[in-house]
Amino acid sequence: MTQYAVLLYADKGDISPDLNGAEYEEHARHSVKLQEGGTMIAAFALESYETATSIRTSGITDGPFIEAKEVVLGFYVIEEPDLDAALATARRNPIIKQGGGVEVRPVEGFFVRSTS
């Protein structure tokens, strides 16, 4: 099985600090379904793009490095047999119905620190 990162995007103008109850529940149900199906192996929600600090050879800047219409909200990692299956899984993410989008990329490397 190949691992794929699914990055969640939304337009900056459409981002509310908190999802309403129905939107949150839709994401929670989707996450549980992927976990129970053994597809999702990790997930991370990111704080607001306004909290980002970018590091480049030219120095450190507050906020996103580039002015972009869309920002990354979070990402999760799934295991699927091929890209077509990963795309089919990613298409079911509620963020698409909520006006956002997803990007799917094969994972080249993976590390999780042991907590024990």
C-alpha atoms as a PDB file:
ATOM      1  CA  MET A   1       0.000   0.000   0.000  1.00  0.00           C
ATOM      2  CA  THR A   2       1.175   3.499  -0.786  1.00  0.00           C
ATOM      3  CA  GLN A   3       0.803   6.397   1.636  1.00  0.00           C
ATOM      4  CA  TYR A   4      -0.707   9.644   0.372  1.00  0.00           C
ATOM      5  CA  ALA A   5      -0.880  13.028   2.073  1.00  0.00           C
ATOM      6  CA  VAL A   6      -4.201  14.801   1.588  1.00  0.00           C
ATOM      7  CA  LEU A   7      -3.783  18.558   2.102  1.00  0.00           C
ATOM      8  CA  LEU A   8      -6.927  20.584   2.872  1.00  0.00           C
ATOM      9  CA  TYR A   9      -7.261  24.055   1.349  1.00  0.00           C
ATOM     10  CA  ALA A  10      -9.741  26.904   1.651  1.00  0.00           C
ATOM     11  CA  ASP A  11      -9.947  30.461   0.379  1.00  0.00           C
ATOM     12  CA  LYS A  12      -8.703  32.899   3.015  1.00  0.00           C
ATOM     13  CA  GLY A  13     -11.892  34.942   2.680  1.00  0.00           C
ATOM     14  CA  ASP A  14     -14.070  31.893   3.372  1.00  0.00           C
ATOM     15  CA  ILE A  15     -12.316  30.729   6.528  1.00  0.00           C
ATOM     16  CA  SER A  16     -14.167  31.193   9.765  1.00  0.00           C
ATOM     17  CA  PRO A  17     -12.234  30.776  13.015  1.00  0.00           C
ATOM     18  CA  ASP A  18     -14.566  27.997  14.105  1.00  0.00           C
ATOM     19  CA  LEU A  19     -16.568  25.582  12.052  1.00  0.00           C
ATOM     20  CA  ASN A  20     -20.237  25.643  12.877  1.00  0.00           C
ATOM     21  CA  GLY A  21     -21.619  22.569  14.587  1.00  0.00           C
ATOM     22  CA  ALA A  22     -22.894  20.882  11.412  1.00  0.00           C
ATOM     23  CA  GLU A  23     -19.630  21.477   9.502  1.00  0.00           C
ATOM     24  CA  TYR A  24     -17.536  20.183  12.398  1.00  0.00           C
ATOM     25  CA  GLU A  25     -19.708  17.088  12.776  1.00  0.00           C
ATOM     26  CA  GLU A  26     -19.403  16.350   9.055  1.00  0.00           C
ATOM     27  CA  HIS A  27     -15.590  16.434   9.313  1.00  0.00           C
ATOM     28  CA  ALA A  28     -15.648  14.330  12.482  1.00  0.00           C
ATOM     29  CA  ARG A  29     -17.857  11.663  10.841  1.00  0.00           C
ATOM     30  CA  HIS A  30     -15.607  11.597   7.775  1.00  0.00           C
ATOM     31  CA  SER A  31     -12.512  11.172   9.960  1.00  0.00           C
ATOM     32  CA  VAL A  32     -14.057   8.352  11.996  1.00  0.00           C
ATOM     33  CA  LYS A  33     -15.124   6.552   8.810  1.00  0.00           C
ATOM     34  CA  LEU A  34     -11.570   6.697   7.414  1.00  0.00           C
ATOM     35  CA  GLN A  35     -10.083   5.572  10.736  1.00  0.00           C
ATOM     36  CA  GLU A  36     -12.503   2.677  11.162  1.00  0.00           C
ATOM     37  CA  GLY A  37     -11.869   1.614   7.569  1.00  0.00           C
ATOM     38  CA  GLY A  38      -8.135   1.495   8.248  1.00  0.00           C
ATOM     39  CA  THR A  39      -7.401   4.086   5.558  1.00  0.00           C
ATOM     40  CA  MET A  40      -6.361   7.102   7.668  1.00  0.00           C
ATOM     41  CA  ILE A  41      -3.099   6.644   9.541  1.00  0.00           C
ATOM     42  CA  ALA A  42      -2.461  10.224  10.754  1.00  0.00           C
ATOM     43  CA  ALA A  43      -4.237  13.595  10.741  1.00  0.00           C
ATOM     44  CA  PHE A  44      -3.228  17.117  11.715  1.00  0.00           C
ATOM     45  CA  ALA A  45      -5.348  20.279  11.887  1.00  0.00           C
ATOM     46  CA  LEU A  46      -3.290  23.459  11.660  1.00  0.00           C
ATOM     47  CA  GLU A  47      -3.859  26.699  13.513  1.00  0.00           C
ATOM     48  CA  SER A  48      -4.810  29.772  11.491  1.00  0.00           C
ATOM     49  CA  TYR A  49      -2.536  30.717   8.606  1.00  0.00           C
ATOM     50  CA  GLU A  50      -2.064  34.023  10.439  1.00  0.00           C
ATOM     51  CA  THR A  51       0.070  32.185  13.024  1.00  0.00           C
ATOM     52  CA  ALA A  52       2.524  30.930  10.377  1.00  0.00           C
ATOM     53  CA  THR A  53       6.176  31.955  10.405  1.00  0.00           C
ATOM     54  CA  SER A  54       8.124  31.321   7.213  1.00  0.00           C
ATOM     55  CA  ILE A  55      11.881  30.776   7.073  1.00  0.00           C
ATOM     56  CA  ARG A  56      13.754  31.412   3.821  1.00  0.00           C
ATOM     57  CA  THR A  57      17.329  32.225   2.909  1.00  0.00           C
ATOM     58  CA  SER A  58      16.330  35.892   2.950  1.00  0.00           C
ATOM     59  CA  GLY A  59      15.198  35.681   6.579  1.00  0.00           C
ATOM     60  CA  ILE A  60      12.134  35.048   8.696  1.00  0.00           C
ATOM     61  CA  THR A  61       8.715  36.544   8.020  1.00  0.00           C
ATOM     62  CA  ASP A  62       5.507  36.513  10.016  1.00  0.00           C
ATOM     63  CA  GLY A  63       2.568  34.953   8.243  1.00  0.00           C
ATOM     64  CA  PRO A  64       2.534  33.005   5.020  1.00  0.00           C
ATOM     65  CA  PHE A  65       5.547  33.545   2.786  1.00  0.00           C
ATOM     66  CA  ILE A  66       3.531  34.346  -0.318  1.00  0.00           C
ATOM     67  CA  GLU A  67       0.295  36.161  -0.834  1.00  0.00           C
ATOM     68  CA  ALA A  68      -2.055  33.402  -1.838  1.00  0.00           C
ATOM     69  CA  LYS A  69      -5.774  33.173  -2.233  1.00  0.00           C
ATOM     70  CA  GLU A  70      -5.848  29.698  -0.672  1.00  0.00           C
ATOM     71  CA  VAL A  71      -4.236  28.500   2.534  1.00  0.00           C
ATOM     72  CA  VAL A  72      -3.553  25.038   3.971  1.00  0.00           C
ATOM     73  CA  LEU A  73      -5.860  24.190   6.873  1.00  0.00           C
ATOM     74  CA  GLY A  74      -4.504  20.766   7.716  1.00  0.00           C
ATOM     75  CA  PHE A  75      -3.544  17.415   6.295  1.00  0.00           C
ATOM     76  CA  TYR A  76      -3.939  13.714   6.844  1.00  0.00           C
ATOM     77  CA  VAL A  77      -2.172  10.611   5.608  1.00  0.00           C
ATOM     78  CA  ILE A  78      -4.004   7.685   4.063  1.00  0.00           C
ATOM     79  CA  GLU A  79      -2.928   4.305   2.744  1.00  0.00           C
ATOM     80  CA  GLU A  80      -4.376   3.188  -0.572  1.00  0.00           C
ATOM     81  CA  PRO A  81      -3.268   0.719  -3.235  1.00  0.00           C
ATOM     82  CA  ASP A  82      -2.812   3.415  -5.909  1.00  0.00           C
ATOM     83  CA  LEU A  83      -3.406   7.052  -6.809  1.00  0.00           C
ATOM     84  CA  ASP A  84      -6.880   6.406  -8.240  1.00  0.00           C
ATOM     85  CA  ALA A  85      -8.024   4.920  -4.927  1.00  0.00           C
ATOM     86  CA  ALA A  86      -6.417   7.810  -3.004  1.00  0.00           C
ATOM     87  CA  LEU A  87      -8.215  10.343  -5.222  1.00  0.00           C
ATOM     88  CA  ALA A  88     -11.524   8.542  -4.709  1.00  0.00           C
ATOM     89  CA  THR A  89     -11.026   8.725  -0.935  1.00  0.00           C
ATOM     90  CA  ALA A  90      -9.953  12.385  -1.026  1.00  0.00           C
ATOM     91  CA  ARG A  91     -12.977  13.376  -3.150  1.00  0.00           C
ATOM     92  CA  ARG A  92     -15.247  12.409  -0.250  1.00  0.00           C
ATOM     93  CA  ASN A  93     -13.722  15.014   2.099  1.00  0.00           C
ATOM     94  CA  PRO A  94     -16.449  17.420   3.299  1.00  0.00           C
ATOM     95  CA  ILE A  95     -14.245  20.457   2.666  1.00  0.00           C
ATOM     96  CA  ILE A  96     -14.967  20.119  -1.048  1.00  0.00           C
ATOM     97  CA  LYS A  97     -18.721  20.605  -0.459  1.00  0.00           C
ATOM     98  CA  GLN A  98     -17.887  23.485   1.890  1.00  0.00           C
ATOM     99  CA  GLY A  99     -16.094  25.457  -0.855  1.00  0.00           C
ATOM    100  CA  GLY A 100     -12.520  24.316  -0.247  1.00  0.00           C
ATOM    101  CA  GLY A 101     -10.342  21.774  -1.967  1.00  0.00           C
ATOM    102  CA  VAL A 102      -7.814  19.017  -1.456  1.00  0.00           C
ATOM    103  CA  GLU A 103      -4.420  18.141  -2.889  1.00  0.00           C
ATOM    104  CA  VAL A 104      -3.191  14.540  -2.928  1.00  0.00           C
ATOM    105  CA  ARG A 105       0.521  13.710  -2.937  1.00  0.00           C
ATOM    106  CA  PRO A 106       2.402  10.451  -2.515  1.00  0.00           C
ATOM    107  CA  VAL A 107       4.388  10.383   0.727  1.00  0.00           C
ATOM    108  CA  GLU A 108       8.109   9.983   0.137  1.00  0.00           C
ATOM    109  CA  GLY A 109       9.106   9.477   3.765  1.00  0.00           C
ATOM    110  CA  PHE A 110       7.363   9.152   7.095  1.00  0.00           C
ATOM    111  CA  PHE A 111       8.456   9.454  10.706  1.00  0.00           C
ATOM    112  CA  VAL A 112       6.468   9.476  13.934  1.00  0.00           C
ATOM    113  CA  ARG A 113       8.293   9.846  17.233  1.00  0.00           C
ATOM    114  CA  SER A 114       7.470   7.209  19.780  1.00  0.00           C
ATOM    115  CA  THR A 115       5.791   8.590  22.895  1.00  0.00           C
ATOM    116  CA  SER A 116       6.971   5.778  25.156  1.00  0.00           C
END
